[in-house]
């Protein structure tokens, strides 16, 4: 059975090579969440190139990489992100949504520390997150 995490990484132009290195680490060395001996859980692909399928009449003016990870040890992924020597760490953004989560968590570097900026509450178990009745029209 799979355990899937969706990932998007936005980097400054000077960190494109580091995004490629992170993708290679994910593909070949990232440990699994329930089997630390297993290696490789997915990869990233640039989604903002000239052949991107974004709406609108222009190309994105950002560098975004996206991928799906299977059985990834997400704490190990966060540790790896912290260990990379990003050229422009304050431009780095990691959007991470684990299996059974309903929204991305946003991670960014501030004051030299990788921090989560998306809300931790409401979370998927909060009653307000899924109202018991559909909204009246």
C-alpha atoms as a PDB file:
ATOM      1  CA  UNK A   1       0.000   0.000   0.000  1.00  0.00           C
ATOM      2  CA  UNK A   2       1.212   3.498  -0.803  1.00  0.00           C
ATOM      3  CA  UNK A   3       1.696   6.469   1.512  1.00  0.00           C
ATOM      4  CA  UNK A   4       1.820   9.545  -0.712  1.00  0.00           C
ATOM      5  CA  UNK A   5       3.049  13.068  -0.003  1.00  0.00           C
ATOM      6  CA  UNK A   6       2.661  15.868  -2.543  1.00  0.00           C
ATOM      7  CA  UNK A   7       5.567  18.322  -2.693  1.00  0.00           C
ATOM      8  CA  UNK A   8       6.243  21.645  -4.402  1.00  0.00           C
ATOM      9  CA  UNK A   9       9.474  23.619  -4.051  1.00  0.00           C
ATOM     10  CA  UNK A  10       9.905  27.219  -5.164  1.00  0.00           C
ATOM     11  CA  UNK A  11      13.495  28.472  -5.420  1.00  0.00           C
ATOM     12  CA  UNK A  12      15.324  31.557  -6.608  1.00  0.00           C
ATOM     13  CA  UNK A  13      17.092  31.399  -9.971  1.00  0.00           C
ATOM     14  CA  UNK A  14      20.454  30.841  -8.259  1.00  0.00           C
ATOM     15  CA  UNK A  15      19.173  27.671  -6.578  1.00  0.00           C
ATOM     16  CA  UNK A  16      17.940  25.751  -9.626  1.00  0.00           C
ATOM     17  CA  UNK A  17      20.926  23.394  -9.383  1.00  0.00           C
ATOM     18  CA  UNK A  18      20.245  22.772  -5.712  1.00  0.00           C
ATOM     19  CA  UNK A  19      16.625  21.854  -6.554  1.00  0.00           C
ATOM     20  CA  UNK A  20      17.986  19.304  -9.038  1.00  0.00           C
ATOM     21  CA  UNK A  21      20.315  17.930  -6.328  1.00  0.00           C
ATOM     22  CA  UNK A  22      17.405  17.694  -3.869  1.00  0.00           C
ATOM     23  CA  UNK A  23      15.403  15.780  -6.483  1.00  0.00           C
ATOM     24  CA  UNK A  24      18.289  13.359  -7.024  1.00  0.00           C
ATOM     25  CA  UNK A  25      18.603  12.812  -3.249  1.00  0.00           C
ATOM     26  CA  UNK A  26      14.862  12.095  -3.068  1.00  0.00           C
ATOM     27  CA  UNK A  27      15.142   9.634  -5.962  1.00  0.00           C
ATOM     28  CA  UNK A  28      18.195   7.731  -4.719  1.00  0.00           C
ATOM     29  CA  UNK A  29      18.872   8.322  -1.011  1.00  0.00           C
ATOM     30  CA  UNK A  30      15.802   9.559   0.878  1.00  0.00           C
ATOM     31  CA  UNK A  31      14.785   7.074   3.587  1.00  0.00           C
ATOM     32  CA  UNK A  32      11.306   5.601   3.856  1.00  0.00           C
ATOM     33  CA  UNK A  33       9.052   6.437   6.773  1.00  0.00           C
ATOM     34  CA  UNK A  34       8.603   2.851   8.032  1.00  0.00           C
ATOM     35  CA  UNK A  35      11.783   1.257   6.673  1.00  0.00           C
ATOM     36  CA  UNK A  36      14.925   3.351   7.263  1.00  0.00           C
ATOM     37  CA  UNK A  37      16.987   0.858   5.233  1.00  0.00           C
ATOM     38  CA  UNK A  38      14.917   1.499   2.074  1.00  0.00           C
ATOM     39  CA  UNK A  39      16.121   4.360  -0.119  1.00  0.00           C
ATOM     40  CA  UNK A  40      14.491   6.536  -2.757  1.00  0.00           C
ATOM     41  CA  UNK A  41      10.912   7.751  -2.569  1.00  0.00           C
ATOM     42  CA  UNK A  42      10.256   9.919  -5.621  1.00  0.00           C
ATOM     43  CA  UNK A  43      11.620  12.990  -7.347  1.00  0.00           C
ATOM     44  CA  UNK A  44      10.860  16.542  -8.388  1.00  0.00           C
ATOM     45  CA  UNK A  45      10.253  17.928 -11.864  1.00  0.00           C
ATOM     46  CA  UNK A  46      10.292  21.562 -12.920  1.00  0.00           C
ATOM     47  CA  UNK A  47       6.731  22.697 -13.644  1.00  0.00           C
ATOM     48  CA  UNK A  48       7.427  26.298 -14.680  1.00  0.00           C
ATOM     49  CA  UNK A  49       9.420  25.814 -17.869  1.00  0.00           C
ATOM     50  CA  UNK A  50       8.421  26.986 -21.359  1.00  0.00           C
ATOM     51  CA  UNK A  51       6.344  23.841 -21.895  1.00  0.00           C
ATOM     52  CA  UNK A  52       4.311  24.317 -18.694  1.00  0.00           C
ATOM     53  CA  UNK A  53       0.539  24.027 -18.855  1.00  0.00           C
ATOM     54  CA  UNK A  54      -0.338  26.961 -16.606  1.00  0.00           C
ATOM     55  CA  UNK A  55      -3.324  29.089 -17.553  1.00  0.00           C
ATOM     56  CA  UNK A  56      -2.961  32.606 -18.896  1.00  0.00           C
ATOM     57  CA  UNK A  57      -1.076  33.989 -21.816  1.00  0.00           C
ATOM     58  CA  UNK A  58       2.333  34.305 -20.153  1.00  0.00           C
ATOM     59  CA  UNK A  59       4.951  31.985 -18.710  1.00  0.00           C
ATOM     60  CA  UNK A  60       5.433  31.799 -14.923  1.00  0.00           C
ATOM     61  CA  UNK A  61       8.173  34.078 -13.603  1.00  0.00           C
ATOM     62  CA  UNK A  62       9.228  31.700 -10.868  1.00  0.00           C
ATOM     63  CA  UNK A  63      11.080  28.390 -10.536  1.00  0.00           C
ATOM     64  CA  UNK A  64       8.767  25.715  -9.116  1.00  0.00           C
ATOM     65  CA  UNK A  65       9.492  22.009  -8.869  1.00  0.00           C
ATOM     66  CA  UNK A  66       6.840  19.440  -7.957  1.00  0.00           C
ATOM     67  CA  UNK A  67       6.688  15.761  -7.234  1.00  0.00           C
ATOM     68  CA  UNK A  68       4.956  12.934  -5.474  1.00  0.00           C
ATOM     69  CA  UNK A  69       6.826  11.028  -2.787  1.00  0.00           C
ATOM     70  CA  UNK A  70       5.881   7.513  -1.734  1.00  0.00           C
ATOM     71  CA  UNK A  71       6.610   6.301   1.802  1.00  0.00           C
ATOM     72  CA  UNK A  72       8.908   9.300   2.410  1.00  0.00           C
ATOM     73  CA  UNK A  73      10.257  10.012   5.867  1.00  0.00           C
ATOM     74  CA  UNK A  74       9.163  13.652   5.849  1.00  0.00           C
ATOM     75  CA  UNK A  75      11.285  14.578   8.864  1.00  0.00           C
ATOM     76  CA  UNK A  76      14.309  13.319   6.914  1.00  0.00           C
ATOM     77  CA  UNK A  77      13.194  15.413   3.927  1.00  0.00           C
ATOM     78  CA  UNK A  78      12.952  18.506   6.146  1.00  0.00           C
ATOM     79  CA  UNK A  79      16.391  17.717   7.615  1.00  0.00           C
ATOM     80  CA  UNK A  80      17.827  17.450   4.100  1.00  0.00           C
ATOM     81  CA  UNK A  81      16.280  20.785   3.105  1.00  0.00           C
ATOM     82  CA  UNK A  82      17.865  22.343   6.206  1.00  0.00           C
ATOM     83  CA  UNK A  83      21.269  20.872   5.290  1.00  0.00           C
ATOM     84  CA  UNK A  84      21.343  22.256   1.736  1.00  0.00           C
ATOM     85  CA  UNK A  85      23.391  25.440   1.373  1.00  0.00           C
ATOM     86  CA  UNK A  86      20.768  27.466  -0.483  1.00  0.00           C
ATOM     87  CA  UNK A  87      22.129  30.478  -2.335  1.00  0.00           C
ATOM     88  CA  UNK A  88      19.019  32.489  -1.397  1.00  0.00           C
ATOM     89  CA  UNK A  89      17.371  30.659   1.517  1.00  0.00           C
ATOM     90  CA  UNK A  90      14.776  33.388   2.107  1.00  0.00           C
ATOM     91  CA  UNK A  91      13.431  32.773  -1.420  1.00  0.00           C
ATOM     92  CA  UNK A  92      13.024  29.024  -0.762  1.00  0.00           C
ATOM     93  CA  UNK A  93       9.498  27.734  -0.153  1.00  0.00           C
ATOM     94  CA  UNK A  94       8.447  24.129   0.454  1.00  0.00           C
ATOM     95  CA  UNK A  95       4.784  23.169   0.090  1.00  0.00           C
ATOM     96  CA  UNK A  96       4.191  19.781   1.691  1.00  0.00           C
ATOM     97  CA  UNK A  97       0.935  17.808   1.950  1.00  0.00           C
ATOM     98  CA  UNK A  98       1.179  14.329   3.460  1.00  0.00           C
ATOM     99  CA  UNK A  99      -1.238  11.447   2.938  1.00  0.00           C
ATOM    100  CA  UNK A 100      -4.594  12.117   4.633  1.00  0.00           C
ATOM    101  CA  UNK A 101      -3.896  15.841   4.913  1.00  0.00           C
ATOM    102  CA  UNK A 102      -6.236  18.248   3.150  1.00  0.00           C
ATOM    103  CA  UNK A 103      -4.010  21.262   2.614  1.00  0.00           C
ATOM    104  CA  UNK A 104      -0.359  22.075   2.019  1.00  0.00           C
ATOM    105  CA  UNK A 105       1.887  23.118   4.861  1.00  0.00           C
ATOM    106  CA  UNK A 106       4.251  25.940   3.851  1.00  0.00           C
ATOM    107  CA  UNK A 107       7.859  25.826   5.059  1.00  0.00           C
ATOM    108  CA  UNK A 108      10.237  28.784   4.663  1.00  0.00           C
ATOM    109  CA  UNK A 109      13.608  29.851   6.032  1.00  0.00           C
ATOM    110  CA  UNK A 110      13.528  32.845   8.346  1.00  0.00           C
ATOM    111  CA  UNK A 111      16.367  33.943  10.599  1.00  0.00           C
ATOM    112  CA  UNK A 112      18.357  30.890   9.457  1.00  0.00           C
ATOM    113  CA  UNK A 113      15.683  28.439  10.599  1.00  0.00           C
ATOM    114  CA  UNK A 114      13.233  26.359   8.534  1.00  0.00           C
ATOM    115  CA  UNK A 115       9.763  27.148   9.870  1.00  0.00           C
ATOM    116  CA  UNK A 116       6.226  26.103   9.061  1.00  0.00           C
ATOM    117  CA  UNK A 117       4.071  29.076   8.063  1.00  0.00           C
ATOM    118  CA  UNK A 118       0.816  27.341   7.127  1.00  0.00           C
ATOM    119  CA  UNK A 119      -1.704  27.028   9.907  1.00  0.00           C
ATOM    120  CA  UNK A 120      -1.399  24.065  12.200  1.00  0.00           C
ATOM    121  CA  UNK A 121      -4.991  24.793  13.184  1.00  0.00           C
ATOM    122  CA  UNK A 122      -7.562  24.304  11.960  1.00  0.00           C
ATOM    123  CA  UNK A 123      -6.361  20.847  11.190  1.00  0.00           C
ATOM    124  CA  UNK A 124      -8.166  17.986   9.528  1.00  0.00           C
ATOM    125  CA  UNK A 125      -9.737  16.882  12.824  1.00  0.00           C
ATOM    126  CA  UNK A 126     -11.238  20.259  13.759  1.00  0.00           C
ATOM    127  CA  UNK A 127     -15.044  20.273  13.415  1.00  0.00           C
ATOM    128  CA  UNK A 128     -14.906  23.665  11.673  1.00  0.00           C
ATOM    129  CA  UNK A 129     -12.692  22.213   8.957  1.00  0.00           C
ATOM    130  CA  UNK A 130     -15.464  19.966   7.664  1.00  0.00           C
ATOM    131  CA  UNK A 131     -18.829  21.541   8.547  1.00  0.00           C
ATOM    132  CA  UNK A 132     -21.478  18.928   9.367  1.00  0.00           C
ATOM    133  CA  UNK A 133     -24.004  20.512   6.968  1.00  0.00           C
ATOM    134  CA  UNK A 134     -23.375  21.832   3.462  1.00  0.00           C
ATOM    135  CA  UNK A 135     -23.610  25.589   3.148  1.00  0.00           C
ATOM    136  CA  UNK A 136     -27.120  26.789   2.334  1.00  0.00           C
ATOM    137  CA  UNK A 137     -27.530  28.356  -1.078  1.00  0.00           C
END
